[in-house]
């Protein structure tokens, strides 16, 4: 079982797939891949928060069934499940920003914990669901600032409200799996996995308080990029890496429930790098593509606590599925710059996403 199996998207043709958080950056890329594969895609999420946003720029709203709703609203979510009777559910709705979680901890917990409870409760009431993926984060682990990668059996206890709420989401998923999705023989009736991804970059991320969007905003305005934690080490990867991997796991566990479990989804060790190195890479790619000369400076702002050192051990994913990352970090950054310049120059965003997706699939299949 190799990468060719991973990217056999014919499996999704005609499948009823529900994505929560579909209006976000990662959710939009997920919708894009699934609609190209011929799936019947329904999204459930709030209206996009950023302006501009990739959901509108790519025309995704017109290509899927888009339900605007709050993940905390169990009644509306239940009605959506009843209407479409999904076979596969991918849960990505979240309050995803560490700094925001310090400002709004209650909302962060309501969304990330009770939102997960609500999704699982709807799955419990919907007999059609065969495969469920809960997307959490690499920050679910108790961070000991050590230099090796965290494995799936390490202790879950995120430090800040965002990370901790995602640790709770993992525990909720495990509880529901044991309490409601086992038959009398303790065999699981629904294939359930949680996936813990690293820091994702890609074209169309306009979020506040994320390093690549900050780079892009500064570059487009011709200003020096401000970096607040240049020595923090993170596992950076292009958005297509986790999106394709989530779809692979959802498919494999749909076909064989033995593949259910917890999986880290991150880059190889060489692409776990400091924020400063990532920004230097971005500046180099931007300057090559535009002929401009942008640079960055270190301004530590003494903001709230964030982990300094974080990397994932993806041995389980590699051993189980013969999986390998497709794009290295340099190439990922290049594709972010390409996307951004297409947006800046008012080119066709949908076509740019199609081209990048097809390039990725072609390379992953070889």
Protein backbone atom coordinates (compact mmCIF):
# COMPACT_ATOMS: atom_id res chain seq x y z
CA UNK A 1 0.00 0.00 0.00
CA UNK A 2 1.77 3.16 -1.16
CA UNK A 3 1.11 6.73 -2.16
CA UNK A 4 -0.76 5.62 -5.26
CA UNK A 5 -3.34 4.03 -2.97
CA UNK A 6 -3.43 7.16 -0.88
CA UNK A 7 -4.38 9.29 -3.86
CA UNK A 8 -6.92 7.02 -5.51
CA UNK A 9 -9.60 9.69 -5.33
CA UNK A 10 -12.12 7.57 -7.27
CA UNK A 11 -13.22 6.21 -3.90
CA UNK A 12 -14.87 9.57 -3.16
CA UNK A 13 -16.94 9.73 -6.34
CA UNK A 14 -20.59 9.97 -5.25
CA UNK A 15 -19.78 9.66 -1.54
CA UNK A 16 -21.76 11.89 0.82
CA UNK A 17 -19.16 13.84 2.81
CA UNK A 18 -19.86 16.40 5.54
CA UNK A 19 -17.09 18.86 6.43
CA UNK A 20 -17.38 21.13 9.47
CA UNK A 21 -15.36 24.31 9.22
CA UNK A 22 -15.58 24.31 5.44
CA UNK A 23 -15.39 28.10 5.10
CA UNK A 24 -11.91 28.24 6.66
CA UNK A 25 -8.54 28.05 4.94
CA UNK A 26 -7.99 24.31 5.40
CA UNK A 27 -11.70 23.55 4.94
CA UNK A 28 -11.81 25.32 1.58
CA UNK A 29 -8.85 23.31 0.27
CA UNK A 30 -10.59 20.14 1.53
CA UNK A 31 -13.83 21.06 -0.30
CA UNK A 32 -11.82 21.80 -3.42
CA UNK A 33 -10.11 18.39 -3.45
CA UNK A 34 -13.36 16.51 -2.75
CA UNK A 35 -15.44 18.31 -5.38
CA UNK A 36 -12.73 17.60 -7.96
CA UNK A 37 -12.96 13.94 -6.91
CA UNK A 38 -16.72 13.90 -7.55
CA UNK A 39 -17.92 13.70 -3.93
CA UNK A 40 -21.26 15.09 -2.78
CA UNK A 41 -19.89 17.71 -0.39
CA UNK A 42 -21.83 19.49 2.34
CA UNK A 43 -20.14 22.05 4.56
CA UNK A 44 -21.29 23.31 7.97
CA UNK A 45 -19.58 26.40 9.38
CA UNK A 46 -19.82 30.05 10.27
CA UNK A 47 -19.42 32.62 7.52
CA UNK A 48 -15.72 33.15 6.71
CA UNK A 49 -14.20 35.43 9.32
CA UNK A 50 -11.38 36.97 7.31
CA UNK A 51 -11.76 39.45 4.48
CA UNK A 52 -10.46 38.64 1.94
CA UNK A 53 -10.93 34.88 2.30
CA UNK A 54 -10.14 31.86 0.16
CA UNK A 55 -13.69 30.46 0.40
CA UNK A 56 -15.12 33.39 -1.59
CA UNK A 57 -12.07 33.95 -3.82
CA UNK A 58 -12.12 30.33 -5.04
CA UNK A 59 -15.88 30.24 -5.70
CA UNK A 60 -16.26 27.24 -3.37
CA UNK A 61 -19.67 28.33 -2.07
CA UNK A 62 -21.20 27.68 -5.49
CA UNK A 63 -19.59 24.25 -5.87
CA UNK A 64 -20.91 22.57 -2.71
CA UNK A 65 -23.93 22.52 -0.41
CA UNK A 66 -22.95 25.19 2.13
CA UNK A 67 -24.83 25.35 5.44
CA UNK A 68 -24.02 28.42 7.54
CA UNK A 69 -24.33 27.45 11.17
CA UNK A 70 -22.58 27.41 14.54
CA UNK A 71 -20.99 24.13 15.63
CA UNK A 72 -22.31 24.91 19.14
CA UNK A 73 -25.91 24.71 17.84
CA UNK A 74 -26.74 21.01 18.26
CA UNK A 75 -30.26 21.36 16.87
CA UNK A 76 -29.22 22.96 13.57
CA UNK A 77 -26.28 20.56 13.21
CA UNK A 78 -28.62 17.61 13.79
CA UNK A 79 -31.01 18.85 11.10
CA UNK A 80 -28.09 19.07 8.67
CA UNK A 81 -27.10 15.45 9.43
CA UNK A 82 -30.73 14.34 8.99
CA UNK A 83 -31.00 16.11 5.64
CA UNK A 84 -27.85 14.74 4.02
CA UNK A 85 -27.16 11.48 5.93
CA UNK A 86 -23.38 11.67 5.44
CA UNK A 87 -21.25 8.54 5.02
CA UNK A 88 -18.00 10.34 5.93
CA UNK A 89 -17.61 13.22 8.40
CA UNK A 90 -14.46 15.38 8.65
CA UNK A 91 -14.55 17.71 11.65
CA UNK A 92 -12.41 20.81 11.21
CA UNK A 93 -14.56 23.56 12.76
CA UNK A 94 -12.55 25.19 15.53
CA UNK A 95 -11.27 28.36 17.12
CA UNK A 96 -7.72 27.71 15.88
CA UNK A 97 -5.54 30.59 17.14
CA UNK A 98 -3.45 30.38 20.32
CA UNK A 99 -3.44 34.12 21.00
CA UNK A 100 -7.20 34.37 20.44
CA UNK A 101 -7.72 31.60 22.99
CA UNK A 102 -6.11 33.76 25.67
CA UNK A 103 -8.53 36.60 24.81
CA UNK A 104 -11.63 34.38 24.53
CA UNK A 105 -11.10 31.16 26.50
CA UNK A 106 -14.81 30.41 27.05
CA UNK A 107 -15.65 30.68 23.36
CA UNK A 108 -12.57 28.58 22.53
CA UNK A 109 -13.68 25.76 24.86
CA UNK A 110 -17.33 25.99 23.75
CA UNK A 111 -16.33 25.66 20.11
CA UNK A 112 -13.50 23.14 20.37
CA UNK A 113 -14.91 20.89 23.11
CA UNK A 114 -18.71 21.15 22.92
CA UNK A 115 -18.46 21.46 19.14
CA UNK A 116 -16.81 18.02 19.10
CA UNK A 117 -19.46 16.65 21.49
CA UNK A 118 -22.19 17.93 19.16
CA UNK A 119 -20.62 16.38 16.05
CA UNK A 120 -20.21 13.00 17.80
CA UNK A 121 -23.77 13.17 19.14
CA UNK A 122 -25.06 13.73 15.59
CA UNK A 123 -22.97 10.80 14.34
CA UNK A 124 -24.45 8.67 17.14
CA UNK A 125 -27.93 9.49 15.82
CA UNK A 126 -27.04 8.99 12.14
CA UNK A 127 -26.71 5.33 11.08
CA UNK A 128 -25.23 6.23 7.67
CA UNK A 129 -21.87 7.48 9.01
CA UNK A 130 -19.11 4.92 8.46
CA UNK A 131 -15.96 7.02 8.84
CA UNK A 132 -15.19 10.01 11.11
CA UNK A 133 -12.02 12.12 11.21
CA UNK A 134 -11.51 14.60 14.06
CA UNK A 135 -8.82 17.11 13.11
CA UNK A 136 -6.96 18.36 16.18
CA UNK A 137 -3.38 19.69 16.37
CA UNK A 138 0.23 18.91 17.22
CA UNK A 139 -0.28 21.12 20.29
CA UNK A 140 -2.44 18.53 22.10
CA UNK A 141 0.66 17.01 23.71
CA UNK A 142 2.06 18.03 27.09
CA UNK A 143 5.01 20.01 25.72
CA UNK A 144 8.25 19.22 27.51
CA UNK A 145 10.35 21.28 25.06
CA UNK A 146 12.44 18.23 24.23
CA UNK A 147 14.25 17.78 20.93
CA UNK A 148 12.58 14.61 19.65
CA UNK A 149 9.14 14.25 18.11
CA UNK A 150 6.00 13.46 20.09
CA UNK A 151 4.35 10.09 19.47
CA UNK A 152 0.65 9.29 19.54
CA UNK A 153 0.85 7.62 22.98
CA UNK A 154 2.39 10.67 24.74
CA UNK A 155 0.44 12.52 27.43
CA UNK A 156 -2.24 14.93 26.20
CA UNK A 157 -2.29 18.23 28.09
CA UNK A 158 -1.99 21.34 25.95
CA UNK A 159 -0.73 24.42 27.80
CA UNK A 160 -2.84 27.31 26.50
CA UNK A 161 -6.67 27.36 26.16
CA UNK A 162 -6.54 26.53 22.43
CA UNK A 163 -4.14 23.60 22.81
CA UNK A 164 -5.88 22.35 25.94
CA UNK A 165 -9.33 22.52 24.34
CA UNK A 166 -8.00 20.35 21.52
CA UNK A 167 -6.61 17.87 24.08
CA UNK A 168 -10.13 17.77 25.54
CA UNK A 169 -11.56 17.20 22.04
CA UNK A 170 -9.32 14.13 21.74
CA UNK A 171 -10.61 12.79 25.09
CA UNK A 172 -14.24 13.42 24.11
CA UNK A 173 -13.68 11.47 20.88
CA UNK A 174 -12.14 8.55 22.76
CA UNK A 175 -15.01 8.54 25.28
CA UNK A 176 -17.71 8.53 22.61
CA UNK A 177 -15.88 5.79 20.73
CA UNK A 178 -15.81 3.57 23.83
CA UNK A 179 -19.26 4.48 25.16
CA UNK A 180 -21.44 4.62 22.06
CA UNK A 181 -19.73 3.11 19.02
CA UNK A 182 -18.87 -0.36 20.29
CA UNK A 183 -21.18 -3.37 19.88
CA UNK A 184 -21.64 -6.11 22.49
CA UNK A 185 -18.41 -7.78 21.30
CA UNK A 186 -16.50 -4.50 21.75
CA UNK A 187 -16.14 -4.19 17.99
CA UNK A 188 -16.35 -0.60 16.76
CA UNK A 189 -19.38 0.22 14.58
CA UNK A 190 -18.00 3.50 13.20
CA UNK A 191 -14.39 3.99 12.10
CA UNK A 192 -13.03 6.92 14.14
CA UNK A 193 -9.60 8.58 13.99
CA UNK A 194 -8.11 11.76 15.38
CA UNK A 195 -5.38 13.41 13.32
CA UNK A 196 -2.81 15.76 14.80
CA UNK A 197 -1.30 18.03 12.19
CA UNK A 198 1.64 20.38 12.32
CA UNK A 199 1.67 24.04 11.28
CA UNK A 200 0.00 24.34 7.89
CA UNK A 201 0.90 26.91 5.25
CA UNK A 202 -0.60 27.48 1.82
CA UNK A 203 -2.14 29.95 -0.57
CA UNK A 204 -5.23 31.68 0.77
CA UNK A 205 -4.50 31.81 4.49
CA UNK A 206 -5.37 35.36 5.55
CA UNK A 207 -5.62 34.66 9.30
CA UNK A 208 -4.35 37.07 11.95
CA UNK A 209 -1.45 35.96 14.16
CA UNK A 210 -0.03 33.40 11.75
CA UNK A 211 3.45 33.81 10.39
CA UNK A 212 2.96 33.27 6.63
CA UNK A 213 -0.15 35.50 6.40
CA UNK A 214 1.81 38.15 8.33
CA UNK A 215 4.65 37.79 5.78
CA UNK A 216 2.22 38.14 2.89
CA UNK A 217 0.53 41.24 4.28
CA UNK A 218 3.90 42.94 4.84
CA UNK A 219 5.25 41.89 1.43
CA UNK A 220 2.19 43.16 -0.43
CA UNK A 221 2.54 46.50 1.35
CA UNK A 222 6.30 46.62 0.72
CA UNK A 223 7.05 46.69 4.45
CA UNK A 224 9.62 44.86 6.58
CA UNK A 225 8.20 41.64 8.11
CA UNK A 226 7.97 41.64 11.91
CA UNK A 227 8.76 38.29 13.57
CA UNK A 228 7.99 37.86 17.26
CA UNK A 229 9.33 34.32 17.89
CA UNK A 230 12.10 33.71 15.30
CA UNK A 231 13.72 30.85 17.25
CA UNK A 232 10.56 28.78 17.81
CA UNK A 233 10.77 25.43 16.01
CA UNK A 234 7.60 24.19 14.32
CA UNK A 235 6.66 21.36 11.90
CA UNK A 236 5.65 23.35 8.81
CA UNK A 237 3.90 21.71 5.84
CA UNK A 238 1.82 22.68 2.81
CA UNK A 239 -1.95 22.48 3.35
CA UNK A 240 -2.31 19.76 0.69
CA UNK A 241 -0.20 17.37 2.80
CA UNK A 242 -2.67 17.04 5.69
CA UNK A 243 -5.78 17.43 3.51
CA UNK A 244 -4.76 14.50 1.29
CA UNK A 245 -3.66 12.48 4.33
CA UNK A 246 -6.97 13.00 6.17
CA UNK A 247 -8.80 11.80 3.06
CA UNK A 248 -6.53 8.77 2.82
CA UNK A 249 -7.20 7.80 6.45
CA UNK A 250 -10.95 8.41 6.06
CA UNK A 251 -10.98 6.11 3.03
CA UNK A 252 -8.78 3.37 4.52
CA UNK A 253 -10.75 3.14 7.76
CA UNK A 254 -14.04 3.22 5.79
CA UNK A 255 -12.82 0.13 3.95
CA UNK A 256 -11.20 -1.49 7.01
CA UNK A 257 -12.06 -0.34 10.53
CA UNK A 258 -8.73 -1.71 11.79
CA UNK A 259 -7.10 1.48 10.50
CA UNK A 260 -8.97 3.61 13.09
CA UNK A 261 -6.72 5.32 15.62
CA UNK A 262 -4.67 8.44 16.34
CA UNK A 263 -2.20 9.73 13.77
CA UNK A 264 0.41 12.49 13.71
CA UNK A 265 0.53 14.22 10.32
CA UNK A 266 3.68 16.29 9.92
CA UNK A 267 6.74 16.91 7.78
CA UNK A 268 10.06 15.12 7.88
CA UNK A 269 12.54 16.35 10.48
CA UNK A 270 14.44 18.53 8.00
CA UNK A 271 11.29 20.63 7.52
CA UNK A 272 10.82 21.23 11.25
CA UNK A 273 12.53 24.60 11.28
CA UNK A 274 12.66 27.89 13.13
CA UNK A 275 10.19 30.61 12.30
CA UNK A 276 13.13 32.83 11.31
CA UNK A 277 14.36 30.29 8.76
CA UNK A 278 10.83 29.99 7.32
CA UNK A 279 10.54 33.76 6.93
CA UNK A 280 13.99 33.94 5.30
CA UNK A 281 12.80 31.28 2.85
CA UNK A 282 9.64 33.30 2.12
CA UNK A 283 11.65 36.49 1.53
CA UNK A 284 13.97 34.68 -0.89
CA UNK A 285 11.08 33.17 -2.88
CA UNK A 286 9.17 36.47 -2.95
CA UNK A 287 12.19 38.47 -4.04
CA UNK A 288 13.02 35.96 -6.81
CA UNK A 289 9.44 35.99 -8.11
CA UNK A 290 8.91 39.77 -7.98
CA UNK A 291 12.34 41.38 -8.24
CA UNK A 292 11.59 43.24 -4.99
CA UNK A 293 13.72 43.19 -1.87
CA UNK A 294 11.78 42.47 1.32
CA UNK A 295 13.39 41.48 4.61
CA UNK A 296 12.40 40.77 8.21
CA UNK A 297 13.33 41.87 11.73
CA UNK A 298 13.08 40.25 15.15
CA UNK A 299 10.78 42.07 17.57
CA UNK A 300 10.01 39.89 20.58
CA UNK A 301 6.74 41.30 21.96
CA UNK A 302 6.57 39.34 25.24
CA UNK A 303 3.15 38.01 24.26
CA UNK A 304 1.42 35.11 26.00
CA UNK A 305 3.19 31.77 26.41
CA UNK A 306 3.74 29.75 23.25
CA UNK A 307 5.81 26.59 22.94
CA UNK A 308 9.38 27.08 21.73
CA UNK A 309 10.12 23.59 20.49
CA UNK A 310 7.59 21.29 18.87
CA UNK A 311 7.92 18.46 16.39
CA UNK A 312 6.00 15.30 15.57
CA UNK A 313 7.07 11.70 15.13
CA UNK A 314 5.08 10.41 12.14
CA UNK A 315 6.45 6.85 12.25
CA UNK A 316 3.00 5.37 12.81
CA UNK A 317 1.53 7.04 9.72
CA UNK A 318 4.54 5.97 7.64
CA UNK A 319 4.51 2.38 8.87
CA UNK A 320 0.74 1.93 8.54
CA UNK A 321 0.21 3.45 5.10
CA UNK A 322 3.70 3.58 3.54
CA UNK A 323 3.19 7.35 3.64
CA UNK A 324 5.79 10.03 2.90
CA UNK A 325 5.47 13.83 2.61
CA UNK A 326 5.29 15.01 -1.00
CA UNK A 327 6.55 18.62 -0.98
CA UNK A 328 9.51 19.85 1.04
CA UNK A 329 9.24 23.18 2.82
CA UNK A 330 11.09 25.20 0.18
CA UNK A 331 8.67 23.99 -2.51
CA UNK A 332 5.69 24.60 -0.21
CA UNK A 333 6.77 28.21 0.33
CA UNK A 334 7.27 28.66 -3.43
CA UNK A 335 3.69 27.52 -4.05
CA UNK A 336 2.41 29.94 -1.39
CA UNK A 337 4.18 32.79 -3.18
CA UNK A 338 2.77 31.65 -6.57
CA UNK A 339 -0.78 31.59 -5.15
CA UNK A 340 -0.35 35.00 -3.51
CA UNK A 341 0.96 36.63 -6.68
CA UNK A 342 -1.97 35.15 -8.65
CA UNK A 343 -4.29 36.75 -6.09
CA UNK A 344 -2.38 40.06 -6.16
CA UNK A 345 -2.55 40.14 -9.96
CA UNK A 346 -6.26 39.16 -10.01
CA UNK A 347 -5.68 35.86 -11.78
CA UNK A 348 -8.10 32.90 -11.62
CA UNK A 349 -7.77 31.54 -8.05
CA UNK A 350 -9.81 28.41 -8.76
CA UNK A 351 -7.49 27.50 -11.64
CA UNK A 352 -4.41 28.16 -9.47
CA UNK A 353 -5.76 25.75 -6.83
CA UNK A 354 -6.54 23.12 -9.47
CA UNK A 355 -3.03 23.41 -10.92
CA UNK A 356 -1.37 23.08 -7.51
CA UNK A 357 -3.57 20.15 -6.52
CA UNK A 358 -2.87 18.30 -9.77
CA UNK A 359 0.86 18.94 -9.46
CA UNK A 360 0.76 17.59 -5.89
CA UNK A 361 -1.18 14.45 -6.85
CA UNK A 362 1.13 13.79 -9.80
CA UNK A 363 4.25 14.06 -7.63
CA UNK A 364 2.75 12.03 -4.78
CA UNK A 365 1.84 9.22 -7.17
CA UNK A 366 5.38 8.76 -8.50
